[in-house]
Amino acid sequence: HVQLVESGGGWVEPGGSLSLSCVASGTIFSIIAMEWYRQAPGKQRELVESFSSNGSGNYADSVKGRFTIARDNGKKTLYLQMNSLKPEDTAVYYCHAVMRTDYSANPRIYWGQGTQVTVSS
């Protein structure tokens, strides 16, 4: 069974930093894309960043210049470095991936369980 596990969330003061990790495990032939989403209380889930197989990263305007994405293909791990955190960044952050379990399989969508990030004084 393929699964995604997030870690690295916590509580920080405004201006602080956190680094999130998402590890994909199980039988995985290829990872087509991995993304970070977040959902704040009372709000819709939104895309924070995406990392596709072409190596490019795309960021939401609200986090551009503060968040940085990286991926370790060998470890099947996606990272999100978050700097200059603001209270409005408070949310549950979810890992999302599109992956194939073998060469002939169609890509499928997977979600992690989420990790809580709280930014407050």
PDB file of N, CA and C in Angstrom:
ATOM      1  N   HIS A   1       0.847  -1.180   0.000  1.00  0.00           N
ATOM      2  CA  HIS A   1       0.000   0.000   0.000  1.00  0.00           C
ATOM      3  C   HIS A   1       0.893   1.244   0.000  1.00  0.00           C
ATOM      4  N   VAL A   2       0.586   2.189  -0.853  1.00  0.00           N
ATOM      5  CA  VAL A   2       1.336   3.426  -0.954  1.00  0.00           C
ATOM      6  C   VAL A   2       0.761   4.439   0.027  1.00  0.00           C
ATOM      7  N   GLN A   3       1.636   5.141   0.718  1.00  0.00           N
ATOM      8  CA  GLN A   3       1.162   6.155   1.638  1.00  0.00           C
ATOM      9  C   GLN A   3       2.135   7.319   1.712  1.00  0.00           C
ATOM     10  N   LEU A   4       1.622   8.446   2.183  1.00  0.00           N
ATOM     11  CA  LEU A   4       2.395   9.652   2.393  1.00  0.00           C
ATOM     12  C   LEU A   4       2.334  10.022   3.865  1.00  0.00           C
ATOM     13  N   VAL A   5       3.471  10.348   4.448  1.00  0.00           N
ATOM     14  CA  VAL A   5       3.535  10.714   5.855  1.00  0.00           C
ATOM     15  C   VAL A   5       4.231  12.055   5.999  1.00  0.00           C
ATOM     16  N   GLU A   6       3.523  13.032   6.566  1.00  0.00           N
ATOM     17  CA  GLU A   6       4.081  14.356   6.800  1.00  0.00           C
ATOM     18  C   GLU A   6       4.649  14.453   8.214  1.00  0.00           C
ATOM     19  N   SER A   7       5.631  15.324   8.378  1.00  0.00           N
ATOM     20  CA  SER A   7       6.195  15.593   9.691  1.00  0.00           C
ATOM     21  C   SER A   7       6.825  16.977   9.685  1.00  0.00           C
ATOM     22  N   GLY A   8       7.133  17.491  10.869  1.00  0.00           N
ATOM     23  CA  GLY A   8       7.822  18.764  10.989  1.00  0.00           C
ATOM     24  C   GLY A   8       6.971  19.922  11.453  1.00  0.00           C
ATOM     25  N   GLY A   9       5.678  19.710  11.590  1.00  0.00           N
ATOM     26  CA  GLY A   9       4.813  20.776  12.063  1.00  0.00           C
ATOM     27  C   GLY A   9       5.065  21.089  13.523  1.00  0.00           C
ATOM     28  N   GLY A  10       4.525  22.215  13.959  1.00  0.00           N
ATOM     29  CA  GLY A  10       4.696  22.629  15.338  1.00  0.00           C
ATOM     30  C   GLY A  10       4.194  24.037  15.562  1.00  0.00           C
ATOM     31  N   TRP A  11       4.585  24.603  16.681  1.00  0.00           N
ATOM     32  CA  TRP A  11       4.185  25.955  17.063  1.00  0.00           C
ATOM     33  C   TRP A  11       5.409  26.860  17.075  1.00  0.00           C
ATOM     34  N   VAL A  12       5.317  27.972  16.363  1.00  0.00           N
ATOM     35  CA  VAL A  12       6.405  28.944  16.315  1.00  0.00           C
ATOM     36  C   VAL A  12       5.836  30.353  16.436  1.00  0.00           C
ATOM     37  N   GLU A  13       6.686  31.286  16.845  1.00  0.00           N
ATOM     38  CA  GLU A  13       6.294  32.686  16.912  1.00  0.00           C
ATOM     39  C   GLU A  13       6.383  33.319  15.525  1.00  0.00           C
ATOM     40  N   PRO A  14       5.630  34.386  15.294  1.00  0.00           N
ATOM     41  CA  PRO A  14       5.732  35.072  14.008  1.00  0.00           C
ATOM     42  C   PRO A  14       7.177  35.423  13.682  1.00  0.00           C
ATOM     43  N   GLY A  15       7.552  35.209  12.431  1.00  0.00           N
ATOM     44  CA  GLY A  15       8.918  35.433  12.001  1.00  0.00           C
ATOM     45  C   GLY A  15       9.801  34.209  12.097  1.00  0.00           C
ATOM     46  N   GLY A  16       9.305  33.170  12.731  1.00  0.00           N
ATOM     47  CA  GLY A  16      10.069  31.952  12.882  1.00  0.00           C
ATOM     48  C   GLY A  16      10.041  31.090  11.639  1.00  0.00           C
ATOM     49  N   SER A  17      10.698  29.938  11.742  1.00  0.00           N
ATOM     50  CA  SER A  17      10.824  29.029  10.605  1.00  0.00           C
ATOM     51  C   SER A  17      10.476  27.607  10.997  1.00  0.00           C
ATOM     52  N   LEU A  18       9.996  26.862  10.032  1.00  0.00           N
ATOM     53  CA  LEU A  18       9.742  25.440  10.175  1.00  0.00           C
ATOM     54  C   LEU A  18      10.081  24.747   8.866  1.00  0.00           C
ATOM     55  N   SER A  19      10.451  23.491   8.957  1.00  0.00           N
ATOM     56  CA  SER A  19      10.704  22.688   7.776  1.00  0.00           C
ATOM     57  C   SER A  19       9.826  21.446   7.819  1.00  0.00           C
ATOM     58  N   LEU A  20       9.022  21.264   6.793  1.00  0.00           N
ATOM     59  CA  LEU A  20       8.129  20.122   6.709  1.00  0.00           C
ATOM     60  C   LEU A  20       8.712  19.064   5.778  1.00  0.00           C
ATOM     61  N   SER A  21       8.403  17.816   6.072  1.00  0.00           N
ATOM     62  CA  SER A  21       8.835  16.708   5.234  1.00  0.00           C
ATOM     63  C   SER A  21       7.650  15.826   4.899  1.00  0.00           C
ATOM     64  N   CYS A  22       7.674  15.268   3.714  1.00  0.00           N
ATOM     65  CA  CYS A  22       6.669  14.313   3.281  1.00  0.00           C
ATOM     66  C   CYS A  22       7.391  13.132   2.660  1.00  0.00           C
ATOM     67  N   VAL A  23       7.221  11.965   3.245  1.00  0.00           N
ATOM     68  CA  VAL A  23       7.882  10.757   2.769  1.00  0.00           C
ATOM     69  C   VAL A  23       6.862   9.837   2.111  1.00  0.00           C
ATOM     70  N   ALA A  24       7.128   9.464   0.878  1.00  0.00           N
ATOM     71  CA  ALA A  24       6.297   8.504   0.170  1.00  0.00           C
ATOM     72  C   ALA A  24       6.877   7.107   0.355  1.00  0.00           C
ATOM     73  N   SER A  25       6.050   6.162   0.731  1.00  0.00           N
ATOM     74  CA  SER A  25       6.516   4.805   0.966  1.00  0.00           C
ATOM     75  C   SER A  25       5.578   3.801   0.313  1.00  0.00           C
ATOM     76  N   GLY A  26       6.064   2.579   0.179  1.00  0.00           N
ATOM     77  CA  GLY A  26       5.311   1.535  -0.482  1.00  0.00           C
ATOM     78  C   GLY A  26       5.898   1.231  -1.847  1.00  0.00           C
ATOM     79  N   THR A  27       5.139   0.512  -2.643  1.00  0.00           N
ATOM     80  CA  THR A  27       5.585   0.163  -3.985  1.00  0.00           C
ATOM     81  C   THR A  27       5.299   1.330  -4.924  1.00  0.00           C
ATOM     82  N   ILE A  28       6.352   2.036  -5.290  1.00  0.00           N
ATOM     83  CA  ILE A  28       6.234   3.229  -6.127  1.00  0.00           C
ATOM     84  C   ILE A  28       7.157   3.098  -7.320  1.00  0.00           C
ATOM     85  N   PHE A  29       6.584   3.156  -8.507  1.00  0.00           N
ATOM     86  CA  PHE A  29       7.385   3.114  -9.718  1.00  0.00           C
ATOM     87  C   PHE A  29       7.912   4.504 -10.072  1.00  0.00           C
ATOM     88  N   SER A  30       7.049   5.488  -9.988  1.00  0.00           N
ATOM     89  CA  SER A  30       7.457   6.847 -10.290  1.00  0.00           C
ATOM     90  C   SER A  30       6.546   7.837  -9.579  1.00  0.00           C
ATOM     91  N   ILE A  31       7.118   8.975  -9.247  1.00  0.00           N
ATOM     92  CA  ILE A  31       6.365  10.076  -8.675  1.00  0.00           C
ATOM     93  C   ILE A  31       6.260  11.153  -9.747  1.00  0.00           C
ATOM     94  N   ILE A  32       5.063  11.392 -10.201  1.00  0.00           N
ATOM     95  CA  ILE A  32       4.844  12.347 -11.272  1.00  0.00           C
ATOM     96  C   ILE A  32       4.827  13.767 -10.733  1.00  0.00           C
ATOM     97  N   ALA A  33       4.194  13.955  -9.591  1.00  0.00           N
ATOM     98  CA  ALA A  33       4.120  15.278  -8.998  1.00  0.00           C
ATOM     99  C   ALA A  33       3.877  15.156  -7.506  1.00  0.00           C
ATOM    100  N   MET A  34       4.384  16.114  -6.756  1.00  0.00           N
ATOM    101  CA  MET A  34       4.108  16.209  -5.326  1.00  0.00           C
ATOM    102  C   MET A  34       3.802  17.663  -5.001  1.00  0.00           C
ATOM    103  N   GLU A  35       2.869  17.861  -4.105  1.00  0.00           N
ATOM    104  CA  GLU A  35       2.425  19.207  -3.754  1.00  0.00           C
ATOM    105  C   GLU A  35       2.186  19.325  -2.255  1.00  0.00           C
ATOM    106  N   TRP A  36       2.223  20.557  -1.790  1.00  0.00           N
ATOM    107  CA  TRP A  36       1.810  20.884  -0.432  1.00  0.00           C
ATOM    108  C   TRP A  36       0.528  21.701  -0.487  1.00  0.00           C
ATOM    109  N   TYR A  37      -0.461  21.265   0.251  1.00  0.00           N
ATOM    110  CA  TYR A  37      -1.694  22.001   0.463  1.00  0.00           C
ATOM    111  C   TYR A  37      -1.781  22.407   1.920  1.00  0.00           C
ATOM    112  N   ARG A  38      -2.649  23.348   2.213  1.00  0.00           N
ATOM    113  CA  ARG A  38      -2.916  23.695   3.598  1.00  0.00           C
ATOM    114  C   ARG A  38      -4.380  24.088   3.748  1.00  0.00           C
ATOM    115  N   GLN A  39      -4.886  23.894   4.949  1.00  0.00           N
ATOM    116  CA  GLN A  39      -6.257  24.254   5.250  1.00  0.00           C
ATOM    117  C   GLN A  39      -6.313  24.905   6.624  1.00  0.00           C
ATOM    118  N   ALA A  40      -6.668  26.184   6.642  1.00  0.00           N
ATOM    119  CA  ALA A  40      -6.815  26.926   7.875  1.00  0.00           C
ATOM    120  C   ALA A  40      -8.230  26.742   8.411  1.00  0.00           C
ATOM    121  N   PRO A  41      -8.421  26.945   9.714  1.00  0.00           N
ATOM    122  CA  PRO A  41      -9.762  26.796  10.287  1.00  0.00           C
ATOM    123  C   PRO A  41     -10.788  27.678   9.584  1.00  0.00           C
ATOM    124  N   GLY A  42     -11.890  27.085   9.173  1.00  0.00           N
ATOM    125  CA  GLY A  42     -12.952  27.822   8.525  1.00  0.00           C
ATOM    126  C   GLY A  42     -12.692  28.224   7.094  1.00  0.00           C
ATOM    127  N   LYS A  43     -11.603  27.741   6.512  1.00  0.00           N
ATOM    128  CA  LYS A  43     -11.261  28.109   5.150  1.00  0.00           C
ATOM    129  C   LYS A  43     -11.139  26.882   4.256  1.00  0.00           C
ATOM    130  N   GLN A  44     -11.161  27.130   2.951  1.00  0.00           N
ATOM    131  CA  GLN A  44     -10.990  26.066   1.977  1.00  0.00           C
ATOM    132  C   GLN A  44      -9.537  25.615   1.931  1.00  0.00           C
ATOM    133  N   ARG A  45      -9.353  24.365   1.582  1.00  0.00           N
ATOM    134  CA  ARG A  45      -8.000  23.870   1.378  1.00  0.00           C
ATOM    135  C   ARG A  45      -7.410  24.534   0.133  1.00  0.00           C
ATOM    136  N   GLU A  46      -6.167  24.989   0.238  1.00  0.00           N
ATOM    137  CA  GLU A  46      -5.531  25.689  -0.862  1.00  0.00           C
ATOM    138  C   GLU A  46      -4.177  25.090  -1.198  1.00  0.00           C
ATOM    139  N   LEU A  47      -3.800  25.228  -2.446  1.00  0.00           N
ATOM    140  CA  LEU A  47      -2.494  24.772  -2.890  1.00  0.00           C
ATOM    141  C   LEU A  47      -1.432  25.769  -2.454  1.00  0.00           C
ATOM    142  N   VAL A  48      -0.390  25.280  -1.788  1.00  0.00           N
ATOM    143  CA  VAL A  48       0.709  26.114  -1.337  1.00  0.00           C
ATOM    144  C   VAL A  48       1.853  26.099  -2.348  1.00  0.00           C
ATOM    145  N   GLU A  49       2.224  24.907  -2.779  1.00  0.00           N
ATOM    146  CA  GLU A  49       3.289  24.752  -3.750  1.00  0.00           C
ATOM    147  C   GLU A  49       3.151  23.417  -4.461  1.00  0.00           C
ATOM    148  N   SER A  50       3.809  23.295  -5.600  1.00  0.00           N
ATOM    149  CA  SER A  50       3.828  22.043  -6.343  1.00  0.00           C
ATOM    150  C   SER A  50       5.229  21.786  -6.873  1.00  0.00           C
ATOM    151  N   PHE A  51       5.586  20.513  -6.973  1.00  0.00           N
ATOM    152  CA  PHE A  51       6.871  20.110  -7.516  1.00  0.00           C
ATOM    153  C   PHE A  51       6.606  18.968  -8.489  1.00  0.00           C
ATOM    154  N   SER A  52       6.795  19.230  -9.771  1.00  0.00           N
ATOM    155  CA  SER A  52       6.511  18.259 -10.811  1.00  0.00           C
ATOM    156  C   SER A  52       7.787  17.562 -11.269  1.00  0.00           C
ATOM    157  N   SER A  53       7.615  16.565 -12.132  1.00  0.00           N
ATOM    158  CA  SER A  53       8.746  15.771 -12.591  1.00  0.00           C
ATOM    159  C   SER A  53       9.745  16.569 -13.412  1.00  0.00           C
ATOM    160  N   ASN A  54       9.337  17.707 -13.925  1.00  0.00           N
ATOM    161  CA  ASN A  54      10.264  18.545 -14.680  1.00  0.00           C
ATOM    162  C   ASN A  54      11.195  19.358 -13.780  1.00  0.00           C
ATOM    163  N   GLY A  55      11.018  19.232 -12.486  1.00  0.00           N
ATOM    164  CA  GLY A  55      11.892  19.893 -11.537  1.00  0.00           C
ATOM    165  C   GLY A  55      11.501  21.295 -11.145  1.00  0.00           C
ATOM    166  N   SER A  56      10.419  21.796 -11.695  1.00  0.00           N
ATOM    167  CA  SER A  56      10.003  23.154 -11.394  1.00  0.00           C
ATOM    168  C   SER A  56       9.116  23.186 -10.156  1.00  0.00           C
ATOM    169  N   GLY A  57       9.175  24.296  -9.451  1.00  0.00           N
ATOM    170  CA  GLY A  57       8.337  24.508  -8.289  1.00  0.00           C
ATOM    171  C   GLY A  57       7.487  25.749  -8.470  1.00  0.00           C
ATOM    172  N   ASN A  58       6.240  25.646  -8.088  1.00  0.00           N
ATOM    173  CA  ASN A  58       5.321  26.769  -8.195  1.00  0.00           C
ATOM    174  C   ASN A  58       4.749  27.087  -6.821  1.00  0.00           C
ATOM    175  N   TYR A  59       4.654  28.380  -6.521  1.00  0.00           N
ATOM    176  CA  TYR A  59       4.232  28.824  -5.202  1.00  0.00           C
ATOM    177  C   TYR A  59       3.026  29.731  -5.291  1.00  0.00           C
ATOM    178  N   ALA A  60       2.182  29.633  -4.267  1.00  0.00           N
ATOM    179  CA  ALA A  60       1.090  30.579  -4.137  1.00  0.00           C
ATOM    180  C   ALA A  60       1.648  31.962  -3.838  1.00  0.00           C
ATOM    181  N   ASP A  61       0.947  32.990  -4.280  1.00  0.00           N
ATOM    182  CA  ASP A  61       1.422  34.354  -4.080  1.00  0.00           C
ATOM    183  C   ASP A  61       1.623  34.679  -2.601  1.00  0.00           C
ATOM    184  N   SER A  62       0.802  34.104  -1.746  1.00  0.00           N
ATOM    185  CA  SER A  62       0.865  34.411  -0.330  1.00  0.00           C
ATOM    186  C   SER A  62       2.136  33.907   0.351  1.00  0.00           C
ATOM    187  N   VAL A  63       2.820  32.944  -0.254  1.00  0.00           N
ATOM    188  CA  VAL A  63       4.020  32.382   0.359  1.00  0.00           C
ATOM    189  C   VAL A  63       5.274  32.612  -0.470  1.00  0.00           C
ATOM    190  N   LYS A  64       5.136  33.167  -1.644  1.00  0.00           N
ATOM    191  CA  LYS A  64       6.273  33.388  -2.523  1.00  0.00           C
ATOM    192  C   LYS A  64       7.311  34.274  -1.842  1.00  0.00           C
ATOM    193  N   GLY A  65       8.559  33.845  -1.915  1.00  0.00           N
ATOM    194  CA  GLY A  65       9.637  34.575  -1.280  1.00  0.00           C
ATOM    195  C   GLY A  65       9.897  34.161   0.151  1.00  0.00           C
ATOM    196  N   ARG A  66       8.998  33.387   0.739  1.00  0.00           N
ATOM    197  CA  ARG A  66       9.155  32.933   2.119  1.00  0.00           C
ATOM    198  C   ARG A  66       9.299  31.415   2.222  1.00  0.00           C
ATOM    199  N   PHE A  67       8.629  30.695   1.343  1.00  0.00           N
ATOM    200  CA  PHE A  67       8.662  29.234   1.364  1.00  0.00           C
ATOM    201  C   PHE A  67       9.514  28.724   0.210  1.00  0.00           C
ATOM    202  N   THR A  68      10.210  27.618   0.436  1.00  0.00           N
ATOM    203  CA  THR A  68      11.051  27.010  -0.581  1.00  0.00           C
ATOM    204  C   THR A  68      10.806  25.511  -0.628  1.00  0.00           C
ATOM    205  N   ILE A  69      10.635  24.974  -1.831  1.00  0.00           N
ATOM    206  CA  ILE A  69      10.386  23.555  -2.004  1.00  0.00           C
ATOM    207  C   ILE A  69      11.669  22.847  -2.433  1.00  0.00           C
ATOM    208  N   ALA A  70      11.819  21.601  -2.010  1.00  0.00           N
ATOM    209  CA  ALA A  70      12.928  20.766  -2.435  1.00  0.00           C
ATOM    210  C   ALA A  70      12.479  19.310  -2.413  1.00  0.00           C
ATOM    211  N   ARG A  71      13.104  18.491  -3.246  1.00  0.00           N
ATOM    212  CA  ARG A  71      12.756  17.077  -3.268  1.00  0.00           C
ATOM    213  C   ARG A  71      14.002  16.226  -3.365  1.00  0.00           C
ATOM    214  N   ASP A  72      14.022  15.158  -2.591  1.00  0.00           N
ATOM    215  CA  ASP A  72      15.077  14.163  -2.650  1.00  0.00           C
ATOM    216  C   ASP A  72      14.477  12.943  -3.329  1.00  0.00           C
ATOM    217  N   ASN A  73      14.790  12.751  -4.599  1.00  0.00           N
ATOM    218  CA  ASN A  73      14.192  11.664  -5.362  1.00  0.00           C
ATOM    219  C   ASN A  73      14.580  10.288  -4.822  1.00  0.00           C
ATOM    220  N   GLY A  74      15.820  10.149  -4.376  1.00  0.00           N
ATOM    221  CA  GLY A  74      16.269   8.873  -3.846  1.00  0.00           C
ATOM    222  C   GLY A  74      15.522   8.462  -2.593  1.00  0.00           C
ATOM    223  N   LYS A  75      15.221   9.427  -1.742  1.00  0.00           N
ATOM    224  CA  LYS A  75      14.497   9.157  -0.504  1.00  0.00           C
ATOM    225  C   LYS A  75      12.993   9.284  -0.663  1.00  0.00           C
ATOM    226  N   LYS A  76      12.545   9.661  -1.853  1.00  0.00           N
ATOM    227  CA  LYS A  76      11.122   9.872  -2.129  1.00  0.00           C
ATOM    228  C   LYS A  76      10.521  10.814  -1.082  1.00  0.00           C
ATOM    229  N   THR A  77      11.205  11.908  -0.852  1.00  0.00           N
ATOM    230  CA  THR A  77      10.816  12.855   0.176  1.00  0.00           C
ATOM    231  C   THR A  77      10.696  14.260  -0.398  1.00  0.00           C
ATOM    232  N   LEU A  78       9.633  14.933  -0.032  1.00  0.00           N
ATOM    233  CA  LEU A  78       9.407  16.314  -0.408  1.00  0.00           C
ATOM    234  C   LEU A  78       9.538  17.186   0.828  1.00  0.00           C
ATOM    235  N   TYR A  79      10.207  18.322   0.681  1.00  0.00           N
ATOM    236  CA  TYR A  79      10.423  19.234   1.790  1.00  0.00           C
ATOM    237  C   TYR A  79       9.777  20.584   1.504  1.00  0.00           C
ATOM    238  N   LEU A  80       9.395  21.247   2.565  1.00  0.00           N
ATOM    239  CA  LEU A  80       8.916  22.613   2.468  1.00  0.00           C
ATOM    240  C   LEU A  80       9.573  23.423   3.574  1.00  0.00           C
ATOM    241  N   GLN A  81      10.503  24.292   3.197  1.00  0.00           N
ATOM    242  CA  GLN A  81      11.149  25.183   4.146  1.00  0.00           C
ATOM    243  C   GLN A  81      10.328  26.458   4.243  1.00  0.00           C
ATOM    244  N   MET A  82       9.850  26.758   5.434  1.00  0.00           N
ATOM    245  CA  MET A  82       8.985  27.904   5.654  1.00  0.00           C
ATOM    246  C   MET A  82       9.702  28.907   6.542  1.00  0.00           C
ATOM    247  N   ASN A  83       9.935  30.093   6.012  1.00  0.00           N
ATOM    248  CA  ASN A  83      10.600  31.160   6.738  1.00  0.00           C
ATOM    249  C   ASN A  83       9.662  32.353   6.884  1.00  0.00           C
ATOM    250  N   SER A  84       9.998  33.233   7.808  1.00  0.00           N
ATOM    251  CA  SER A  84       9.213  34.446   8.047  1.00  0.00           C
ATOM    252  C   SER A  84       7.734  34.130   8.196  1.00  0.00           C
ATOM    253  N   LEU A  85       7.447  33.158   9.017  1.00  0.00           N
ATOM    254  CA  LEU A  85       6.072  32.696   9.176  1.00  0.00           C
ATOM    255  C   LEU A  85       5.182  33.771   9.789  1.00  0.00           C
ATOM    256  N   LYS A  86       3.945  33.789   9.328  1.00  0.00           N
ATOM    257  CA  LYS A  86       2.945  34.742   9.776  1.00  0.00           C
ATOM    258  C   LYS A  86       1.781  34.005  10.417  1.00  0.00           C
ATOM    259  N   PRO A  87       1.024  34.678  11.276  1.00  0.00           N
ATOM    260  CA  PRO A  87      -0.141  34.016  11.882  1.00  0.00           C
ATOM    261  C   PRO A  87      -1.102  33.434  10.845  1.00  0.00           C
ATOM    262  N   GLU A  88      -1.236  34.089   9.709  1.00  0.00           N
ATOM    263  CA  GLU A  88      -2.134  33.594   8.680  1.00  0.00           C
ATOM    264  C   GLU A  88      -1.633  32.322   7.996  1.00  0.00           C
ATOM    265  N   ASP A  89      -0.401  31.917   8.291  1.00  0.00           N
ATOM    266  CA  ASP A  89       0.107  30.643   7.793  1.00  0.00           C
ATOM    267  C   ASP A  89      -0.379  29.473   8.634  1.00  0.00           C
ATOM    268  N   THR A  90      -1.015  29.759   9.752  1.00  0.00           N
ATOM    269  CA  THR A  90      -1.524  28.708  10.619  1.00  0.00           C
ATOM    270  C   THR A  90      -2.532  27.846   9.874  1.00  0.00           C
ATOM    271  N   ALA A  91      -2.273  26.555   9.824  1.00  0.00           N
ATOM    272  CA  ALA A  91      -3.126  25.639   9.082  1.00  0.00           C
ATOM    273  C   ALA A  91      -2.616  24.219   9.270  1.00  0.00           C
ATOM    274  N   VAL A  92      -3.417  23.276   8.829  1.00  0.00           N
ATOM    275  CA  VAL A  92      -2.946  21.910   8.686  1.00  0.00           C
ATOM    276  C   VAL A  92      -2.362  21.785   7.284  1.00  0.00           C
ATOM    277  N   TYR A  93      -1.127  21.332   7.198  1.00  0.00           N
ATOM    278  CA  TYR A  93      -0.444  21.205   5.920  1.00  0.00           C
ATOM    279  C   TYR A  93      -0.482  19.752   5.470  1.00  0.00           C
ATOM    280  N   TYR A  94      -0.943  19.551   4.244  1.00  0.00           N
ATOM    281  CA  TYR A  94      -1.124  18.218   3.692  1.00  0.00           C
ATOM    282  C   TYR A  94      -0.193  17.973   2.511  1.00  0.00           C
ATOM    283  N   CYS A  95       0.358  16.789   2.468  1.00  0.00           N
ATOM    284  CA  CYS A  95       1.133  16.347   1.325  1.00  0.00           C
ATOM    285  C   CYS A  95       0.207  15.666   0.326  1.00  0.00           C
ATOM    286  N   HIS A  96       0.388  15.973  -0.938  1.00  0.00           N
ATOM    287  CA  HIS A  96      -0.434  15.435  -2.013  1.00  0.00           C
ATOM    288  C   HIS A  96       0.492  14.974  -3.132  1.00  0.00           C
ATOM    289  N   ALA A  97       0.238  13.785  -3.672  1.00  0.00           N
ATOM    290  CA  ALA A  97       1.124  13.259  -4.696  1.00  0.00           C
ATOM    291  C   ALA A  97       0.355  12.532  -5.774  1.00  0.00           C
ATOM    292  N   VAL A  98       0.899  12.566  -6.980  1.00  0.00           N
ATOM    293  CA  VAL A  98       0.417  11.777  -8.103  1.00  0.00           C
ATOM    294  C   VAL A  98       1.516  10.778  -8.419  1.00  0.00           C
ATOM    295  N   MET A  99       1.204   9.485  -8.337  1.00  0.00           N
ATOM    296  CA  MET A  99       2.227   8.462  -8.457  1.00  0.00           C
ATOM    297  C   MET A  99       1.724   7.265  -9.253  1.00  0.00           C
ATOM    298  N   ARG A 100       2.679   6.512  -9.792  1.00  0.00           N
ATOM    299  CA  ARG A 100       2.416   5.228 -10.436  1.00  0.00           C
ATOM    300  C   ARG A 100       3.019   4.122  -9.582  1.00  0.00           C
ATOM    301  N   THR A 101       2.307   3.021  -9.426  1.00  0.00           N
ATOM    302  CA  THR A 101       2.816   1.888  -8.670  1.00  0.00           C
ATOM    303  C   THR A 101       3.608   0.917  -9.537  1.00  0.00           C
ATOM    304  N   ASP A 102       3.441   0.975 -10.848  1.00  0.00           N
ATOM    305  CA  ASP A 102       4.248   0.217 -11.786  1.00  0.00           C
ATOM    306  C   ASP A 102       4.199   0.908 -13.133  1.00  0.00           C
ATOM    307  N   TYR A 103       4.971   0.391 -14.085  1.00  0.00           N
ATOM    308  CA  TYR A 103       5.118   1.045 -15.381  1.00  0.00           C
ATOM    309  C   TYR A 103       3.797   1.207 -16.126  1.00  0.00           C
ATOM    310  N   SER A 104       2.942   0.206 -16.080  1.00  0.00           N
ATOM    311  CA  SER A 104       1.710   0.219 -16.853  1.00  0.00           C
ATOM    312  C   SER A 104       0.523   0.819 -16.109  1.00  0.00           C
ATOM    313  N   ALA A 105       0.681   1.094 -14.835  1.00  0.00           N
ATOM    314  CA  ALA A 105      -0.423   1.602 -14.036  1.00  0.00           C
ATOM    315  C   ALA A 105      -0.727   3.056 -14.367  1.00  0.00           C
ATOM    316  N   ASN A 106      -1.993   3.395 -14.257  1.00  0.00           N
ATOM    317  CA  ASN A 106      -2.382   4.785 -14.406  1.00  0.00           C
ATOM    318  C   ASN A 106      -1.982   5.570 -13.166  1.00  0.00           C
ATOM    319  N   PRO A 107      -1.643   6.836 -13.336  1.00  0.00           N
ATOM    320  CA  PRO A 107      -1.319   7.645 -12.163  1.00  0.00           C
ATOM    321  C   PRO A 107      -2.510   7.748 -11.223  1.00  0.00           C
ATOM    322  N   ARG A 108      -2.242   7.761  -9.930  1.00  0.00           N
ATOM    323  CA  ARG A 108      -3.287   7.891  -8.934  1.00  0.00           C
ATOM    324  C   ARG A 108      -2.916   8.970  -7.928  1.00  0.00           C
ATOM    325  N   ILE A 109      -3.920   9.505  -7.290  1.00  0.00           N
ATOM    326  CA  ILE A 109      -3.746  10.595  -6.346  1.00  0.00           C
ATOM    327  C   ILE A 109      -3.717  10.064  -4.920  1.00  0.00           C
ATOM    328  N   TYR A 110      -2.782  10.578  -4.119  1.00  0.00           N
ATOM    329  CA  TYR A 110      -2.635  10.166  -2.731  1.00  0.00           C
ATOM    330  C   TYR A 110      -2.543  11.395  -1.831  1.00  0.00           C
ATOM    331  N   TRP A 111      -3.075  11.268  -0.629  1.00  0.00           N
ATOM    332  CA  TRP A 111      -3.035  12.328   0.374  1.00  0.00           C
ATOM    333  C   TRP A 111      -2.403  11.827   1.663  1.00  0.00           C
ATOM    334  N   GLY A 112      -1.639  12.700   2.312  1.00  0.00           N
ATOM    335  CA  GLY A 112      -1.154  12.405   3.645  1.00  0.00           C
ATOM    336  C   GLY A 112      -2.191  12.789   4.686  1.00  0.00           C
ATOM    337  N   GLN A 113      -1.883  12.523   5.952  1.00  0.00           N
ATOM    338  CA  GLN A 113      -2.818  12.804   7.036  1.00  0.00           C
ATOM    339  C   GLN A 113      -2.756  14.250   7.522  1.00  0.00           C
ATOM    340  N   GLY A 114      -1.688  14.955   7.196  1.00  0.00           N
ATOM    341  CA  GLY A 114      -1.560  16.350   7.572  1.00  0.00           C
ATOM    342  C   GLY A 114      -0.698  16.555   8.804  1.00  0.00           C
ATOM    343  N   THR A 115      -0.075  17.723   8.885  1.00  0.00           N
ATOM    344  CA  THR A 115       0.701  18.120  10.056  1.00  0.00           C
ATOM    345  C   THR A 115       0.335  19.559  10.410  1.00  0.00           C
ATOM    346  N   GLN A 116       0.111  19.811  11.690  1.00  0.00           N
ATOM    347  CA  GLN A 116      -0.364  21.107  12.148  1.00  0.00           C
ATOM    348  C   GLN A 116       0.780  22.105  12.259  1.00  0.00           C
ATOM    349  N   VAL A 117       0.568  23.284  11.694  1.00  0.00           N
ATOM    350  CA  VAL A 117       1.488  24.409  11.845  1.00  0.00           C
ATOM    351  C   VAL A 117       0.728  25.551  12.505  1.00  0.00           C
ATOM    352  N   THR A 118       1.231  26.023  13.629  1.00  0.00           N
ATOM    353  CA  THR A 118       0.601  27.115  14.356  1.00  0.00           C
ATOM    354  C   THR A 118       1.605  28.240  14.543  1.00  0.00           C
ATOM    355  N   VAL A 119       1.230  29.432  14.113  1.00  0.00           N
ATOM    356  CA  VAL A 119       2.094  30.606  14.224  1.00  0.00           C
ATOM    357  C   VAL A 119       1.379  31.629  15.095  1.00  0.00           C
ATOM    358  N   SER A 120       1.899  31.879  16.279  1.00  0.00           N
ATOM    359  CA  SER A 120       1.284  32.828  17.201  1.00  0.00           C
ATOM    360  C   SER A 120       2.308  33.305  18.212  1.00  0.00           C
ATOM    361  N   SER A 121       2.039  34.455  18.812  1.00  0.00           N
ATOM    362  CA  SER A 121       2.921  34.999  19.822  1.00  0.00           C
ATOM    363  C   SER A 121       2.524  34.497  21.198  1.00  0.00           C
TER     364      SER A 121
END
